[in-house]
Amino acid sequence: MDKTKFKKVENYLFWHCKKRYEAAFIMAAIIGVYIGLKTASDSTFCEQDLRRLKIDRLQKLLSALKIELIFNRIYVDEESYLNMTFAKDIKDAEKLRKLFEDLMNYMPGAPERAPINRELGKMLGYPKTAVDYYVEYEQGEPTEAHKERIRKYFYYAHSEKHQDEEFKAYDLKLNKAIDKYAPRSGKVLRKKHPNKRWLN
């Protein structure tokens, strides 16, 4: 059963991530790909927060779920960060990685970022209205309404006008799947952010 396979991945991450919330958030990224909500997804975290994570072991556990994993290390201020990208097709993982690299070539608000952000949003499974909102307001000063939505939702910038539809199209599907396949992670995410919208 895939629930058993997910439990092995979850147990592995909870052991090797010193911060339980990081393990839970990685599980969310993996599950999003598994249920087809995302074409690809990624997670980045400081390697100081890990206990001897063996990528080849994690790759083997994910392969049982037919999920590919590619990774690289990024060095910032002499600290090493591990970036992991997940997809059912390794070409999609490589494409997502390349899009993020391309995005870093431009300052926030640069017009060249708009088509990259739109493609990223599509691969990450975000609703089009939310992606359009993000592209339009990327460099703008966040309003109080925007800050309130950040406090309300987990995963991305929801638009004000379509936030309920966006929640149903993305958040609700992902959160239900997390509760189904990785309930421990769901509990951790709720505990970390008790005021975030989860299933209602």
N, C-alpha and C. Protein backbone atom coordinates (compact mmCIF):
# COMPACT_ATOMS: atom_id res chain seq x y z
N MET A 1 0.83 -1.21 0.00
CA MET A 1 0.00 0.00 0.00
C MET A 1 0.87 1.25 0.00
N ASP A 2 0.40 2.28 -0.72
CA ASP A 2 1.18 3.51 -0.79
C ASP A 2 1.23 4.23 0.56
N LYS A 3 0.21 4.03 1.41
CA LYS A 3 0.24 4.66 2.74
C LYS A 3 1.46 4.15 3.52
N THR A 4 1.75 2.87 3.38
CA THR A 4 2.92 2.30 4.05
C THR A 4 4.21 2.89 3.50
N LYS A 5 4.25 3.07 2.19
CA LYS A 5 5.43 3.65 1.55
C LYS A 5 5.62 5.10 1.99
N PHE A 6 4.52 5.83 2.09
CA PHE A 6 4.60 7.21 2.56
C PHE A 6 5.08 7.27 4.01
N LYS A 7 4.64 6.33 4.81
CA LYS A 7 5.05 6.32 6.22
C LYS A 7 6.56 6.13 6.34
N LYS A 8 7.13 5.32 5.45
CA LYS A 8 8.58 5.12 5.47
C LYS A 8 9.31 6.41 5.12
N VAL A 9 8.79 7.13 4.11
CA VAL A 9 9.39 8.42 3.74
C VAL A 9 9.25 9.41 4.90
N GLU A 10 8.06 9.47 5.47
CA GLU A 10 7.79 10.40 6.57
C GLU A 10 8.68 10.10 7.78
N ASN A 11 8.79 8.84 8.14
CA ASN A 11 9.64 8.46 9.27
C ASN A 11 11.10 8.85 9.01
N TYR A 12 11.54 8.62 7.77
CA TYR A 12 12.91 8.96 7.41
C TYR A 12 13.17 10.46 7.56
N LEU A 13 12.25 11.26 7.05
CA LEU A 13 12.42 12.71 7.12
C LEU A 13 12.32 13.23 8.55
N PHE A 14 11.40 12.68 9.33
CA PHE A 14 11.25 13.15 10.70
C PHE A 14 12.47 12.80 11.54
N TRP A 15 13.14 11.73 11.20
CA TRP A 15 14.36 11.39 11.93
C TRP A 15 15.53 12.31 11.54
N HIS A 16 15.63 12.60 10.24
CA HIS A 16 16.80 13.32 9.75
C HIS A 16 16.67 14.83 9.76
N CYS A 17 15.45 15.35 9.85
CA CYS A 17 15.26 16.79 9.98
C CYS A 17 15.12 17.15 11.45
N LYS A 18 15.99 18.00 11.94
CA LYS A 18 15.93 18.39 13.35
C LYS A 18 14.68 19.19 13.67
N LYS A 19 14.17 19.90 12.66
CA LYS A 19 12.95 20.67 12.84
C LYS A 19 11.79 19.89 12.23
N ARG A 20 10.83 19.51 13.05
CA ARG A 20 9.72 18.68 12.58
C ARG A 20 8.91 19.38 11.49
N TYR A 21 8.80 20.69 11.59
CA TYR A 21 8.02 21.44 10.61
C TYR A 21 8.65 21.31 9.22
N GLU A 22 9.98 21.30 9.13
CA GLU A 22 10.63 21.17 7.83
C GLU A 22 10.33 19.80 7.22
N ALA A 23 10.36 18.76 8.04
CA ALA A 23 10.03 17.43 7.55
C ALA A 23 8.60 17.40 7.02
N ALA A 24 7.68 18.01 7.74
CA ALA A 24 6.27 18.03 7.34
C ALA A 24 6.08 18.81 6.04
N PHE A 25 6.81 19.91 5.90
CA PHE A 25 6.66 20.72 4.69
C PHE A 25 7.23 19.99 3.47
N ILE A 26 8.30 19.22 3.65
CA ILE A 26 8.83 18.41 2.56
C ILE A 26 7.80 17.35 2.15
N MET A 27 7.15 16.75 3.15
CA MET A 27 6.10 15.77 2.85
C MET A 27 4.98 16.40 2.02
N ALA A 28 4.62 17.64 2.34
CA ALA A 28 3.58 18.32 1.58
C ALA A 28 4.00 18.47 0.11
N ALA A 29 5.26 18.81 -0.12
CA ALA A 29 5.76 18.95 -1.49
C ALA A 29 5.71 17.62 -2.24
N ILE A 30 6.10 16.56 -1.57
CA ILE A 30 6.11 15.22 -2.18
C ILE A 30 4.69 14.77 -2.50
N ILE A 31 3.77 14.96 -1.57
CA ILE A 31 2.39 14.52 -1.76
C ILE A 31 1.72 15.32 -2.88
N GLY A 32 2.03 16.60 -2.99
CA GLY A 32 1.48 17.41 -4.07
C GLY A 32 1.83 16.84 -5.43
N VAL A 33 3.05 16.34 -5.58
CA VAL A 33 3.47 15.70 -6.83
C VAL A 33 2.76 14.36 -6.99
N TYR A 34 2.70 13.60 -5.93
CA TYR A 34 2.11 12.26 -5.98
C TYR A 34 0.66 12.28 -6.46
N ILE A 35 -0.13 13.25 -5.96
CA ILE A 35 -1.56 13.28 -6.32
C ILE A 35 -1.81 14.00 -7.65
N GLY A 36 -0.74 14.50 -8.28
CA GLY A 36 -0.87 15.15 -9.58
C GLY A 36 -1.28 16.60 -9.50
N LEU A 37 -1.31 17.16 -8.31
CA LEU A 37 -1.62 18.58 -8.15
C LEU A 37 -0.48 19.43 -8.71
N LYS A 38 0.74 18.94 -8.54
CA LYS A 38 1.94 19.63 -9.01
C LYS A 38 2.65 18.78 -10.06
N THR A 39 3.18 19.42 -11.08
CA THR A 39 4.05 18.70 -12.02
C THR A 39 5.39 18.42 -11.34
N ALA A 40 5.86 19.39 -10.56
CA ALA A 40 7.11 19.24 -9.82
C ALA A 40 7.04 20.17 -8.60
N SER A 41 7.91 19.90 -7.63
CA SER A 41 7.96 20.75 -6.44
C SER A 41 9.36 20.69 -5.86
N ASP A 42 9.66 21.62 -4.95
CA ASP A 42 11.01 21.62 -4.38
C ASP A 42 10.99 22.07 -2.93
N SER A 43 12.09 21.78 -2.24
CA SER A 43 12.29 22.19 -0.84
C SER A 43 13.76 22.53 -0.66
N THR A 44 14.03 23.57 0.09
CA THR A 44 15.40 23.98 0.39
C THR A 44 15.54 24.24 1.88
N PHE A 45 16.60 23.71 2.49
CA PHE A 45 16.81 23.96 3.91
C PHE A 45 18.29 23.84 4.26
N CYS A 46 18.66 24.42 5.37
CA CYS A 46 20.05 24.45 5.82
C CYS A 46 20.48 23.06 6.25
N GLU A 47 21.65 22.63 5.79
CA GLU A 47 22.12 21.28 6.12
C GLU A 47 22.51 21.14 7.58
N GLN A 48 22.71 22.25 8.28
CA GLN A 48 22.96 22.16 9.72
C GLN A 48 21.75 21.64 10.47
N ASP A 49 20.58 21.72 9.84
CA ASP A 49 19.35 21.25 10.47
C ASP A 49 19.06 19.78 10.16
N LEU A 50 20.06 19.09 9.58
CA LEU A 50 19.88 17.69 9.21
C LEU A 50 20.79 16.77 10.02
N ARG A 51 20.33 15.55 10.19
CA ARG A 51 21.14 14.50 10.80
C ARG A 51 21.58 13.52 9.71
N ARG A 52 22.70 13.75 9.11
CA ARG A 52 23.32 12.83 8.15
C ARG A 52 22.33 12.24 7.14
N LEU A 53 21.60 13.12 6.49
CA LEU A 53 20.64 12.69 5.48
C LEU A 53 21.37 12.06 4.29
N LYS A 54 21.00 10.85 3.94
CA LYS A 54 21.57 10.16 2.80
C LYS A 54 20.58 10.25 1.64
N ILE A 55 20.95 11.05 0.67
CA ILE A 55 20.06 11.30 -0.46
C ILE A 55 19.72 10.01 -1.21
N ASP A 56 20.69 9.12 -1.37
CA ASP A 56 20.42 7.90 -2.13
C ASP A 56 19.35 7.05 -1.45
N ARG A 57 19.33 7.06 -0.11
CA ARG A 57 18.30 6.32 0.62
C ARG A 57 16.92 6.97 0.41
N LEU A 58 16.88 8.29 0.47
CA LEU A 58 15.62 8.98 0.24
C LEU A 58 15.14 8.77 -1.19
N GLN A 59 16.06 8.79 -2.14
CA GLN A 59 15.70 8.54 -3.54
C GLN A 59 15.08 7.16 -3.70
N LYS A 60 15.61 6.18 -3.01
CA LYS A 60 15.09 4.82 -3.09
C LYS A 60 13.68 4.74 -2.51
N LEU A 61 13.45 5.41 -1.38
CA LEU A 61 12.13 5.41 -0.76
C LEU A 61 11.10 6.08 -1.67
N LEU A 62 11.52 7.17 -2.32
CA LEU A 62 10.61 7.89 -3.21
C LEU A 62 10.34 7.12 -4.50
N SER A 63 11.33 6.37 -4.96
CA SER A 63 11.15 5.61 -6.19
C SER A 63 10.04 4.57 -6.04
N ALA A 64 9.82 4.10 -4.80
CA ALA A 64 8.72 3.16 -4.55
C ALA A 64 7.37 3.82 -4.77
N LEU A 65 7.34 5.16 -4.73
CA LEU A 65 6.13 5.94 -5.00
C LEU A 65 6.13 6.50 -6.42
N LYS A 66 7.14 6.07 -7.21
CA LYS A 66 7.31 6.55 -8.59
C LYS A 66 7.54 8.05 -8.65
N ILE A 67 8.32 8.55 -7.69
CA ILE A 67 8.69 9.96 -7.65
C ILE A 67 10.21 10.07 -7.77
N GLU A 68 10.65 10.93 -8.68
CA GLU A 68 12.08 11.17 -8.88
C GLU A 68 12.54 12.32 -7.99
N LEU A 69 13.80 12.28 -7.61
CA LEU A 69 14.40 13.33 -6.78
C LEU A 69 15.75 13.72 -7.36
N ILE A 70 15.92 15.01 -7.63
CA ILE A 70 17.24 15.54 -7.96
C ILE A 70 17.59 16.57 -6.89
N PHE A 71 18.88 16.84 -6.71
CA PHE A 71 19.27 17.75 -5.65
C PHE A 71 20.55 18.48 -6.02
N ASN A 72 20.77 19.60 -5.36
CA ASN A 72 22.05 20.29 -5.44
C ASN A 72 22.26 21.06 -4.14
N ARG A 73 23.49 21.52 -3.94
CA ARG A 73 23.81 22.28 -2.74
C ARG A 73 24.10 23.73 -3.12
N ILE A 74 23.62 24.62 -2.28
CA ILE A 74 23.80 26.05 -2.47
C ILE A 74 24.55 26.58 -1.25
N TYR A 75 25.53 27.41 -1.47
CA TYR A 75 26.31 27.96 -0.36
C TYR A 75 26.01 29.45 -0.22
N VAL A 76 25.54 29.83 0.96
CA VAL A 76 25.20 31.22 1.26
C VAL A 76 25.85 31.58 2.59
N ASP A 77 26.72 32.61 2.56
CA ASP A 77 27.40 33.05 3.80
C ASP A 77 28.06 31.89 4.53
N GLU A 78 28.75 31.05 3.76
CA GLU A 78 29.51 29.91 4.28
C GLU A 78 28.63 28.81 4.88
N GLU A 79 27.32 28.87 4.64
CA GLU A 79 26.42 27.81 5.09
C GLU A 79 25.93 27.03 3.87
N SER A 80 25.80 25.73 4.05
CA SER A 80 25.37 24.86 2.96
C SER A 80 23.87 24.60 3.05
N TYR A 81 23.18 24.82 1.93
CA TYR A 81 21.75 24.55 1.85
C TYR A 81 21.51 23.44 0.84
N LEU A 82 20.63 22.52 1.20
CA LEU A 82 20.29 21.41 0.32
C LEU A 82 18.98 21.72 -0.38
N ASN A 83 19.02 21.71 -1.71
CA ASN A 83 17.83 21.96 -2.52
C ASN A 83 17.40 20.64 -3.16
N MET A 84 16.17 20.22 -2.90
CA MET A 84 15.64 18.97 -3.46
C MET A 84 14.45 19.29 -4.35
N THR A 85 14.40 18.66 -5.51
CA THR A 85 13.30 18.86 -6.44
C THR A 85 12.66 17.51 -6.75
N PHE A 86 11.33 17.46 -6.67
CA PHE A 86 10.57 16.22 -6.83
C PHE A 86 9.68 16.29 -8.06
N ALA A 87 9.56 15.18 -8.78
CA ALA A 87 8.65 15.09 -9.93
C ALA A 87 8.49 13.61 -10.30
N LYS A 88 7.41 13.30 -11.01
CA LYS A 88 7.25 11.93 -11.50
C LYS A 88 8.16 11.66 -12.69
N ASP A 89 8.49 12.70 -13.42
CA ASP A 89 9.40 12.61 -14.56
C ASP A 89 10.62 13.48 -14.25
N ILE A 90 11.79 12.91 -14.32
CA ILE A 90 13.01 13.64 -13.96
C ILE A 90 13.21 14.88 -14.84
N LYS A 91 12.70 14.84 -16.07
CA LYS A 91 12.81 16.01 -16.95
C LYS A 91 12.02 17.18 -16.38
N ASP A 92 10.89 16.90 -15.74
CA ASP A 92 10.11 17.96 -15.12
C ASP A 92 10.84 18.54 -13.90
N ALA A 93 11.52 17.68 -13.17
CA ALA A 93 12.31 18.17 -12.03
C ALA A 93 13.42 19.09 -12.52
N GLU A 94 14.07 18.68 -13.59
CA GLU A 94 15.15 19.51 -14.16
C GLU A 94 14.61 20.82 -14.71
N LYS A 95 13.42 20.78 -15.30
CA LYS A 95 12.81 22.00 -15.84
C LYS A 95 12.49 22.99 -14.72
N LEU A 96 11.92 22.48 -13.62
CA LEU A 96 11.60 23.36 -12.49
C LEU A 96 12.86 23.99 -11.93
N ARG A 97 13.91 23.19 -11.78
CA ARG A 97 15.19 23.70 -11.28
C ARG A 97 15.71 24.81 -12.19
N LYS A 98 15.64 24.59 -13.50
CA LYS A 98 16.13 25.58 -14.45
C LYS A 98 15.32 26.88 -14.38
N LEU A 99 14.02 26.76 -14.22
CA LEU A 99 13.17 27.95 -14.11
C LEU A 99 13.55 28.79 -12.89
N PHE A 100 13.79 28.14 -11.77
CA PHE A 100 14.20 28.88 -10.57
C PHE A 100 15.56 29.55 -10.79
N GLU A 101 16.47 28.87 -11.47
CA GLU A 101 17.77 29.46 -11.77
C GLU A 101 17.62 30.66 -12.69
N ASP A 102 16.76 30.54 -13.70
CA ASP A 102 16.52 31.65 -14.61
C ASP A 102 15.93 32.86 -13.87
N LEU A 103 15.03 32.58 -12.94
CA LEU A 103 14.38 33.66 -12.19
C LEU A 103 15.40 34.49 -11.42
N MET A 104 16.44 33.84 -10.93
CA MET A 104 17.45 34.53 -10.11
C MET A 104 18.30 35.50 -10.94
N ASN A 105 18.19 35.44 -12.25
CA ASN A 105 18.96 36.35 -13.11
C ASN A 105 18.36 37.74 -13.17
N TYR A 106 17.15 37.91 -12.62
CA TYR A 106 16.46 39.19 -12.72
C TYR A 106 16.00 39.68 -11.35
N MET A 107 16.01 40.97 -11.16
CA MET A 107 15.56 41.58 -9.92
C MET A 107 14.03 41.48 -9.82
N PRO A 108 13.49 41.40 -8.58
CA PRO A 108 12.03 41.39 -8.42
C PRO A 108 11.39 42.58 -9.14
N GLY A 109 10.33 42.28 -9.86
CA GLY A 109 9.63 43.33 -10.60
C GLY A 109 10.09 43.49 -12.03
N ALA A 110 11.23 42.89 -12.41
CA ALA A 110 11.71 43.00 -13.78
C ALA A 110 10.71 42.30 -14.71
N PRO A 111 10.42 42.88 -15.87
CA PRO A 111 9.43 42.29 -16.76
C PRO A 111 9.80 40.88 -17.23
N GLU A 112 11.09 40.58 -17.26
CA GLU A 112 11.53 39.24 -17.70
C GLU A 112 11.09 38.15 -16.72
N ARG A 113 10.78 38.53 -15.49
CA ARG A 113 10.37 37.54 -14.50
C ARG A 113 8.94 37.04 -14.70
N ALA A 114 8.10 37.87 -15.33
CA ALA A 114 6.68 37.51 -15.45
C ALA A 114 6.45 36.17 -16.13
N PRO A 115 7.00 35.92 -17.35
CA PRO A 115 6.74 34.62 -17.99
C PRO A 115 7.36 33.45 -17.21
N ILE A 116 8.48 33.71 -16.54
CA ILE A 116 9.09 32.64 -15.74
C ILE A 116 8.20 32.30 -14.56
N ASN A 117 7.71 33.34 -13.87
CA ASN A 117 6.82 33.11 -12.73
C ASN A 117 5.53 32.40 -13.14
N ARG A 118 5.02 32.74 -14.33
CA ARG A 118 3.80 32.08 -14.80
C ARG A 118 4.05 30.59 -15.05
N GLU A 119 5.19 30.27 -15.63
CA GLU A 119 5.51 28.86 -15.89
C GLU A 119 5.78 28.12 -14.57
N LEU A 120 6.47 28.79 -13.65
CA LEU A 120 6.70 28.20 -12.33
C LEU A 120 5.38 27.91 -11.63
N GLY A 121 4.48 28.90 -11.64
CA GLY A 121 3.20 28.72 -10.98
C GLY A 121 2.41 27.57 -11.57
N LYS A 122 2.47 27.43 -12.88
CA LYS A 122 1.77 26.33 -13.56
C LYS A 122 2.35 24.99 -13.12
N MET A 123 3.68 24.86 -13.10
CA MET A 123 4.30 23.60 -12.70
C MET A 123 4.03 23.27 -11.23
N LEU A 124 3.98 24.30 -10.40
CA LEU A 124 3.74 24.10 -8.97
C LEU A 124 2.27 23.87 -8.65
N GLY A 125 1.42 23.98 -9.67
CA GLY A 125 0.01 23.67 -9.49
C GLY A 125 -0.84 24.79 -8.93
N TYR A 126 -0.31 26.00 -8.85
CA TYR A 126 -1.07 27.10 -8.27
C TYR A 126 -2.16 27.56 -9.23
N PRO A 127 -3.31 27.91 -8.72
CA PRO A 127 -4.40 28.40 -9.59
C PRO A 127 -3.95 29.62 -10.40
N LYS A 128 -4.45 29.72 -11.64
CA LYS A 128 -4.03 30.80 -12.53
C LYS A 128 -4.32 32.17 -11.94
N THR A 129 -5.45 32.31 -11.27
CA THR A 129 -5.78 33.62 -10.70
C THR A 129 -4.76 34.03 -9.64
N ALA A 130 -4.27 33.05 -8.89
CA ALA A 130 -3.27 33.34 -7.87
C ALA A 130 -1.93 33.71 -8.51
N VAL A 131 -1.58 33.01 -9.56
CA VAL A 131 -0.33 33.30 -10.27
C VAL A 131 -0.40 34.69 -10.89
N ASP A 132 -1.52 35.01 -11.51
CA ASP A 132 -1.70 36.34 -12.10
C ASP A 132 -1.56 37.42 -11.04
N TYR A 133 -2.15 37.17 -9.88
CA TYR A 133 -2.07 38.12 -8.77
C TYR A 133 -0.61 38.30 -8.33
N TYR A 134 0.11 37.19 -8.18
CA TYR A 134 1.50 37.26 -7.75
C TYR A 134 2.36 38.04 -8.74
N VAL A 135 2.19 37.74 -10.02
CA VAL A 135 2.97 38.42 -11.05
C VAL A 135 2.70 39.92 -11.04
N GLU A 136 1.46 40.29 -10.85
CA GLU A 136 1.08 41.71 -10.88
C GLU A 136 1.63 42.47 -9.68
N TYR A 137 1.67 41.82 -8.53
CA TYR A 137 2.03 42.53 -7.30
C TYR A 137 3.39 42.15 -6.73
N GLU A 138 4.21 41.47 -7.54
CA GLU A 138 5.47 40.92 -7.02
C GLU A 138 6.33 41.97 -6.33
N GLN A 139 6.44 43.15 -6.89
CA GLN A 139 7.32 44.16 -6.32
C GLN A 139 6.56 45.20 -5.50
N GLY A 140 5.26 45.13 -5.50
CA GLY A 140 4.47 46.15 -4.80
C GLY A 140 4.54 46.01 -3.29
N GLU A 141 4.20 47.08 -2.62
CA GLU A 141 4.13 47.07 -1.15
C GLU A 141 2.89 46.29 -0.73
N PRO A 142 3.05 45.25 0.11
CA PRO A 142 1.88 44.45 0.49
C PRO A 142 0.86 45.26 1.28
N THR A 143 -0.39 45.12 0.91
CA THR A 143 -1.46 45.79 1.63
C THR A 143 -1.78 45.01 2.91
N GLU A 144 -2.58 45.59 3.78
CA GLU A 144 -2.99 44.89 5.00
C GLU A 144 -3.82 43.66 4.65
N ALA A 145 -4.64 43.77 3.58
CA ALA A 145 -5.44 42.61 3.15
C ALA A 145 -4.54 41.48 2.68
N HIS A 146 -3.46 41.84 1.98
CA HIS A 146 -2.49 40.84 1.52
C HIS A 146 -1.80 40.18 2.71
N LYS A 147 -1.38 40.96 3.69
CA LYS A 147 -0.73 40.41 4.88
C LYS A 147 -1.67 39.47 5.63
N GLU A 148 -2.94 39.83 5.65
CA GLU A 148 -3.93 38.99 6.32
C GLU A 148 -4.06 37.64 5.61
N ARG A 149 -4.02 37.64 4.29
CA ARG A 149 -4.09 36.38 3.55
C ARG A 149 -2.84 35.54 3.77
N ILE A 150 -1.69 36.18 3.92
CA ILE A 150 -0.46 35.45 4.23
C ILE A 150 -0.60 34.73 5.57
N ARG A 151 -1.24 35.40 6.51
CA ARG A 151 -1.45 34.78 7.83
C ARG A 151 -2.48 33.65 7.77
N LYS A 152 -3.34 33.69 6.76
CA LYS A 152 -4.45 32.75 6.67
C LYS A 152 -4.11 31.46 5.93
N TYR A 153 -3.26 31.58 4.89
CA TYR A 153 -3.02 30.44 4.02
C TYR A 153 -1.58 29.93 4.13
N PHE A 154 -1.38 28.66 3.75
CA PHE A 154 -0.08 28.01 3.87
C PHE A 154 0.88 28.29 2.73
N TYR A 155 0.45 28.07 1.47
CA TYR A 155 1.40 27.69 0.44
C TYR A 155 1.81 28.76 -0.56
N TYR A 156 0.97 29.75 -0.83
CA TYR A 156 1.30 30.69 -1.91
C TYR A 156 0.46 31.95 -1.73
N ALA A 157 0.66 32.92 -2.61
CA ALA A 157 -0.04 34.20 -2.52
C ALA A 157 -1.44 34.08 -3.12
N HIS A 158 -2.45 34.04 -2.27
CA HIS A 158 -3.83 33.98 -2.74
C HIS A 158 -4.30 35.38 -3.14
N SER A 159 -5.08 35.44 -4.21
CA SER A 159 -5.66 36.72 -4.60
C SER A 159 -6.84 37.03 -3.68
N GLU A 160 -7.15 38.31 -3.56
CA GLU A 160 -8.26 38.70 -2.68
C GLU A 160 -9.60 38.28 -3.27
N LYS A 161 -9.77 38.49 -4.56
CA LYS A 161 -11.06 38.24 -5.20
C LYS A 161 -11.38 36.76 -5.32
N HIS A 162 -10.36 35.92 -5.54
CA HIS A 162 -10.60 34.50 -5.83
C HIS A 162 -10.07 33.56 -4.75
N GLN A 163 -9.81 34.06 -3.56
CA GLN A 163 -9.13 33.24 -2.56
C GLN A 163 -9.90 31.97 -2.19
N ASP A 164 -11.22 32.02 -2.13
CA ASP A 164 -11.98 30.82 -1.78
C ASP A 164 -11.89 29.76 -2.87
N GLU A 165 -12.01 30.19 -4.13
CA GLU A 165 -11.88 29.24 -5.24
C GLU A 165 -10.47 28.66 -5.29
N GLU A 166 -9.47 29.49 -5.03
CA GLU A 166 -8.08 29.03 -5.04
C GLU A 166 -7.84 28.03 -3.92
N PHE A 167 -8.43 28.30 -2.77
CA PHE A 167 -8.31 27.37 -1.64
C PHE A 167 -8.87 26.00 -2.01
N LYS A 168 -10.06 25.99 -2.63
CA LYS A 168 -10.69 24.72 -2.99
C LYS A 168 -9.93 23.99 -4.10
N ALA A 169 -9.34 24.75 -5.01
CA ALA A 169 -8.64 24.15 -6.15
C ALA A 169 -7.29 23.58 -5.76
N TYR A 170 -6.66 24.12 -4.72
CA TYR A 170 -5.29 23.71 -4.38
C TYR A 170 -5.17 23.27 -2.92
N ASP A 171 -5.31 24.21 -2.00
CA ASP A 171 -5.05 23.94 -0.59
C ASP A 171 -5.87 22.77 -0.05
N LEU A 172 -7.17 22.79 -0.31
CA LEU A 172 -8.04 21.76 0.23
C LEU A 172 -7.66 20.37 -0.28
N LYS A 173 -7.37 20.26 -1.58
CA LYS A 173 -6.96 18.97 -2.15
C LYS A 173 -5.66 18.47 -1.52
N LEU A 174 -4.70 19.38 -1.38
CA LEU A 174 -3.42 18.99 -0.82
C LEU A 174 -3.55 18.62 0.66
N ASN A 175 -4.29 19.42 1.41
CA ASN A 175 -4.42 19.16 2.84
C ASN A 175 -5.14 17.84 3.13
N LYS A 176 -6.15 17.54 2.32
CA LYS A 176 -6.83 16.25 2.49
C LYS A 176 -5.87 15.09 2.19
N ALA A 177 -5.05 15.25 1.17
CA ALA A 177 -4.09 14.20 0.82
C ALA A 177 -3.04 14.05 1.91
N ILE A 178 -2.60 15.16 2.50
CA ILE A 178 -1.63 15.08 3.60
C ILE A 178 -2.23 14.31 4.76
N ASP A 179 -3.48 14.63 5.10
CA ASP A 179 -4.15 13.91 6.20
C ASP A 179 -4.28 12.42 5.89
N LYS A 180 -4.46 12.09 4.61
CA LYS A 180 -4.62 10.70 4.21
C LYS A 180 -3.30 9.93 4.22
N TYR A 181 -2.26 10.52 3.62
CA TYR A 181 -1.02 9.78 3.42
C TYR A 181 0.05 10.06 4.49
N ALA A 182 -0.02 11.21 5.13
CA ALA A 182 1.01 11.57 6.11
C ALA A 182 0.37 12.34 7.26
N PRO A 183 -0.51 11.68 8.04
CA PRO A 183 -1.25 12.38 9.10
C PRO A 183 -0.35 13.02 10.16
N ARG A 184 0.79 12.42 10.40
CA ARG A 184 1.73 13.02 11.36
C ARG A 184 2.17 14.40 10.88
N SER A 185 2.44 14.52 9.60
CA SER A 185 2.84 15.80 9.03
C SER A 185 1.70 16.81 9.11
N GLY A 186 0.47 16.33 8.86
CA GLY A 186 -0.67 17.22 8.97
C GLY A 186 -0.81 17.80 10.37
N LYS A 187 -0.60 16.98 11.37
CA LYS A 187 -0.70 17.45 12.76
C LYS A 187 0.39 18.48 13.07
N VAL A 188 1.59 18.24 12.55
CA VAL A 188 2.69 19.17 12.78
C VAL A 188 2.41 20.52 12.12
N LEU A 189 1.91 20.48 10.89
CA LEU A 189 1.60 21.72 10.18
C LEU A 189 0.51 22.51 10.89
N ARG A 190 -0.49 21.82 11.38
CA ARG A 190 -1.56 22.49 12.13
C ARG A 190 -1.03 23.10 13.42
N LYS A 191 -0.18 22.35 14.11
CA LYS A 191 0.35 22.84 15.38
C LYS A 191 1.26 24.05 15.18
N LYS A 192 2.06 24.02 14.12
CA LYS A 192 2.98 25.12 13.84
C LYS A 192 2.21 26.38 13.51
N HIS A 193 1.11 26.24 12.76
CA HIS A 193 0.31 27.39 12.34
C HIS A 193 -1.16 27.13 12.64
N PRO A 194 -1.57 27.23 13.90
CA PRO A 194 -2.94 26.86 14.28
C PRO A 194 -4.02 27.74 13.68
N ASN A 195 -3.66 28.92 13.21
CA ASN A 195 -4.67 29.83 12.66
C ASN A 195 -4.79 29.77 11.14
N LYS A 196 -3.99 28.90 10.52
CA LYS A 196 -4.06 28.75 9.07
C LYS A 196 -5.31 27.96 8.66
N ARG A 197 -5.83 28.30 7.51
CA ARG A 197 -6.99 27.58 6.97
C ARG A 197 -6.53 26.20 6.49
N TRP A 198 -7.23 25.14 6.91
CA TRP A 198 -6.79 23.78 6.58
C TRP A 198 -7.82 23.05 5.73
N LEU A 199 -9.00 22.72 6.30
CA LEU A 199 -10.00 21.99 5.53
C LEU A 199 -11.30 22.76 5.36
N ASN A 200 -11.37 23.96 5.87
CA ASN A 200 -12.64 24.69 5.76
C ASN A 200 -12.39 26.17 5.48
